[in-house]
Amino acid sequence: MEAANRKLIRPSFNELKEKMDAKRNQNQGLKKNTPAEQTNAENFYYVKQMQSKTPMVLVLTDGEVLNGVIEWYDKSCLKVNREDGPNVLVYKLSIKYMYKAE
């Protein structure tokens, strides 16, 4: 009996690699891009309030209320000019919320 020339059933490594690359490329198109780390909305808000010298009310995490105008800001704090007391440097972490004074 003569040995038959048999072809292997399993695909070659190159075929598998091409299929995996095709799937990877297809999945990359479906993935959402990660959002930007900073939208600059906070910076825009502070600059707008500083330029117009808007009177602001800052409520701190301990319940204290500060009234004043934001003079400048940086990554971690705000400088608030007050009429009823000395100017204050306030850490952003200690601010519970703030709003425009009426």
C-alpha atoms as a PDB file:
ATOM      1  CA  MET A   1       0.000   0.000   0.000  1.00  0.00           C
ATOM      2  CA  GLU A   2       1.383   3.316  -1.010  1.00  0.00           C
ATOM      3  CA  ALA A   3       1.484   6.184   1.522  1.00  0.00           C
ATOM      4  CA  ALA A   4      -0.957   8.879   0.487  1.00  0.00           C
ATOM      5  CA  ASN A   5       0.251  12.450   0.380  1.00  0.00           C
ATOM      6  CA  ARG A   6      -1.820  14.016   3.126  1.00  0.00           C
ATOM      7  CA  LYS A   7      -2.195  17.706   3.777  1.00  0.00           C
ATOM      8  CA  LEU A   8      -2.332  18.790   7.388  1.00  0.00           C
ATOM      9  CA  ILE A   9      -5.734  20.025   8.506  1.00  0.00           C
ATOM     10  CA  ARG A  10      -4.474  22.645  10.913  1.00  0.00           C
ATOM     11  CA  PRO A  11      -3.674  26.075   9.447  1.00  0.00           C
ATOM     12  CA  SER A  12      -0.140  27.340   9.192  1.00  0.00           C
ATOM     13  CA  PHE A  13       1.272  29.831  11.672  1.00  0.00           C
ATOM     14  CA  ASN A  14       1.210  32.622   9.069  1.00  0.00           C
ATOM     15  CA  GLU A  15      -2.527  32.152   8.480  1.00  0.00           C
ATOM     16  CA  LEU A  16      -3.222  32.345  12.219  1.00  0.00           C
ATOM     17  CA  LYS A  17      -1.067  35.455  12.558  1.00  0.00           C
ATOM     18  CA  GLU A  18      -2.916  37.188   9.704  1.00  0.00           C
ATOM     19  CA  LYS A  19      -6.298  36.379  11.273  1.00  0.00           C
ATOM     20  CA  MET A  20      -5.178  37.670  14.680  1.00  0.00           C
ATOM     21  CA  ASP A  21      -3.821  40.890  13.142  1.00  0.00           C
ATOM     22  CA  ALA A  22      -7.082  41.416  11.269  1.00  0.00           C
ATOM     23  CA  LYS A  23      -9.118  40.963  14.475  1.00  0.00           C
ATOM     24  CA  ARG A  24      -6.806  43.285  16.391  1.00  0.00           C
ATOM     25  CA  ASN A  25      -7.131  46.003  13.744  1.00  0.00           C
ATOM     26  CA  GLN A  26     -10.897  45.582  13.694  1.00  0.00           C
ATOM     27  CA  ASN A  27     -11.132  45.852  17.502  1.00  0.00           C
ATOM     28  CA  GLN A  28      -8.951  48.962  17.614  1.00  0.00           C
ATOM     29  CA  GLY A  29     -11.525  50.816  15.555  1.00  0.00           C
ATOM     30  CA  LEU A  30     -14.239  49.886  18.065  1.00  0.00           C
ATOM     31  CA  LYS A  31     -12.381  50.944  21.205  1.00  0.00           C
ATOM     32  CA  LYS A  32     -13.225  54.335  22.623  1.00  0.00           C
ATOM     33  CA  ASN A  33     -10.391  56.747  23.115  1.00  0.00           C
ATOM     34  CA  THR A  34      -9.694  57.662  26.698  1.00  0.00           C
ATOM     35  CA  PRO A  35     -10.980  61.125  27.576  1.00  0.00           C
ATOM     36  CA  ALA A  36      -8.563  63.966  28.009  1.00  0.00           C
ATOM     37  CA  GLU A  37      -7.147  64.241  31.495  1.00  0.00           C
ATOM     38  CA  GLN A  38      -8.099  67.897  31.731  1.00  0.00           C
ATOM     39  CA  THR A  39     -10.834  69.766  29.868  1.00  0.00           C
ATOM     40  CA  ASN A  40      -9.718  73.242  30.990  1.00  0.00           C
ATOM     41  CA  ALA A  41     -13.313  74.077  31.967  1.00  0.00           C
ATOM     42  CA  GLU A  42     -12.228  74.860  35.522  1.00  0.00           C
ATOM     43  CA  ASN A  43      -9.454  77.163  34.281  1.00  0.00           C
ATOM     44  CA  PHE A  44     -11.849  78.933  31.914  1.00  0.00           C
ATOM     45  CA  TYR A  45     -14.325  79.484  34.775  1.00  0.00           C
ATOM     46  CA  TYR A  46     -11.686  80.957  37.116  1.00  0.00           C
ATOM     47  CA  VAL A  47     -10.292  83.266  34.425  1.00  0.00           C
ATOM     48  CA  LYS A  48     -13.799  84.495  33.567  1.00  0.00           C
ATOM     49  CA  GLN A  49     -14.595  85.253  37.224  1.00  0.00           C
ATOM     50  CA  MET A  50     -11.220  86.949  37.775  1.00  0.00           C
ATOM     51  CA  GLN A  51     -11.517  89.191  34.709  1.00  0.00           C
ATOM     52  CA  SER A  52     -15.026  90.339  35.594  1.00  0.00           C
ATOM     53  CA  LYS A  53     -14.146  90.591  39.324  1.00  0.00           C
ATOM     54  CA  THR A  54     -17.284  88.666  40.186  1.00  0.00           C
ATOM     55  CA  PRO A  55     -18.080  88.540  43.922  1.00  0.00           C
ATOM     56  CA  MET A  56     -18.012  84.873  44.896  1.00  0.00           C
ATOM     57  CA  VAL A  57     -19.199  82.861  47.885  1.00  0.00           C
ATOM     58  CA  LEU A  58     -17.022  79.893  48.857  1.00  0.00           C
ATOM     59  CA  VAL A  59     -18.438  77.311  51.243  1.00  0.00           C
ATOM     60  CA  LEU A  60     -15.670  75.269  52.844  1.00  0.00           C
ATOM     61  CA  THR A  61     -15.881  71.632  53.926  1.00  0.00           C
ATOM     62  CA  ASP A  62     -16.006  72.660  57.602  1.00  0.00           C
ATOM     63  CA  GLY A  63     -19.041  74.903  56.935  1.00  0.00           C
ATOM     64  CA  GLU A  64     -17.216  78.241  56.975  1.00  0.00           C
ATOM     65  CA  VAL A  65     -18.400  80.732  54.344  1.00  0.00           C
ATOM     66  CA  LEU A  66     -16.005  83.135  52.600  1.00  0.00           C
ATOM     67  CA  ASN A  67     -17.092  86.102  50.480  1.00  0.00           C
ATOM     68  CA  GLY A  68     -14.690  87.751  48.071  1.00  0.00           C
ATOM     69  CA  VAL A  69     -13.239  88.084  44.590  1.00  0.00           C
ATOM     70  CA  ILE A  70     -10.834  85.504  43.147  1.00  0.00           C
ATOM     71  CA  GLU A  71      -7.522  87.264  42.505  1.00  0.00           C
ATOM     72  CA  TRP A  72      -5.541  84.303  41.152  1.00  0.00           C
ATOM     73  CA  TYR A  73      -5.489  80.518  41.172  1.00  0.00           C
ATOM     74  CA  ASP A  74      -3.141  77.635  40.544  1.00  0.00           C
ATOM     75  CA  LYS A  75      -3.375  73.851  40.489  1.00  0.00           C
ATOM     76  CA  SER A  76      -4.129  73.476  44.186  1.00  0.00           C
ATOM     77  CA  CYS A  77      -5.375  76.797  45.607  1.00  0.00           C
ATOM     78  CA  LEU A  78      -7.234  80.087  45.115  1.00  0.00           C
ATOM     79  CA  LYS A  79      -6.382  83.544  46.442  1.00  0.00           C
ATOM     80  CA  VAL A  80      -9.529  85.364  47.518  1.00  0.00           C
ATOM     81  CA  ASN A  81      -9.605  89.141  48.141  1.00  0.00           C
ATOM     82  CA  ARG A  82     -12.112  89.966  50.854  1.00  0.00           C
ATOM     83  CA  GLU A  83     -13.587  93.288  51.950  1.00  0.00           C
ATOM     84  CA  ASP A  84     -14.628  92.125  55.420  1.00  0.00           C
ATOM     85  CA  GLY A  85     -11.269  90.561  56.323  1.00  0.00           C
ATOM     86  CA  PRO A  86      -7.754  89.826  55.169  1.00  0.00           C
ATOM     87  CA  ASN A  87      -7.038  88.201  51.822  1.00  0.00           C
ATOM     88  CA  VAL A  88      -7.024  84.419  52.047  1.00  0.00           C
ATOM     89  CA  LEU A  89      -5.265  81.579  50.260  1.00  0.00           C
ATOM     90  CA  VAL A  90      -7.712  78.643  50.123  1.00  0.00           C
ATOM     91  CA  TYR A  91      -6.820  75.093  49.123  1.00  0.00           C
ATOM     92  CA  LYS A  92      -9.205  73.725  46.494  1.00  0.00           C
ATOM     93  CA  LEU A  93      -9.560  70.501  48.473  1.00  0.00           C
ATOM     94  CA  SER A  94     -11.101  72.460  51.354  1.00  0.00           C
ATOM     95  CA  ILE A  95     -13.795  74.043  49.120  1.00  0.00           C
ATOM     96  CA  LYS A  96     -17.096  72.202  49.261  1.00  0.00           C
ATOM     97  CA  TYR A  97     -18.734  74.390  46.605  1.00  0.00           C
ATOM     98  CA  MET A  98     -18.787  77.967  45.351  1.00  0.00           C
ATOM     99  CA  TYR A  99     -21.249  80.249  43.621  1.00  0.00           C
ATOM    100  CA  LYS A 100     -21.634  83.834  42.456  1.00  0.00           C
ATOM    101  CA  ALA A 101     -22.776  86.224  45.192  1.00  0.00           C
ATOM    102  CA  GLU A 102     -26.028  88.044  44.441  1.00  0.00           C
END
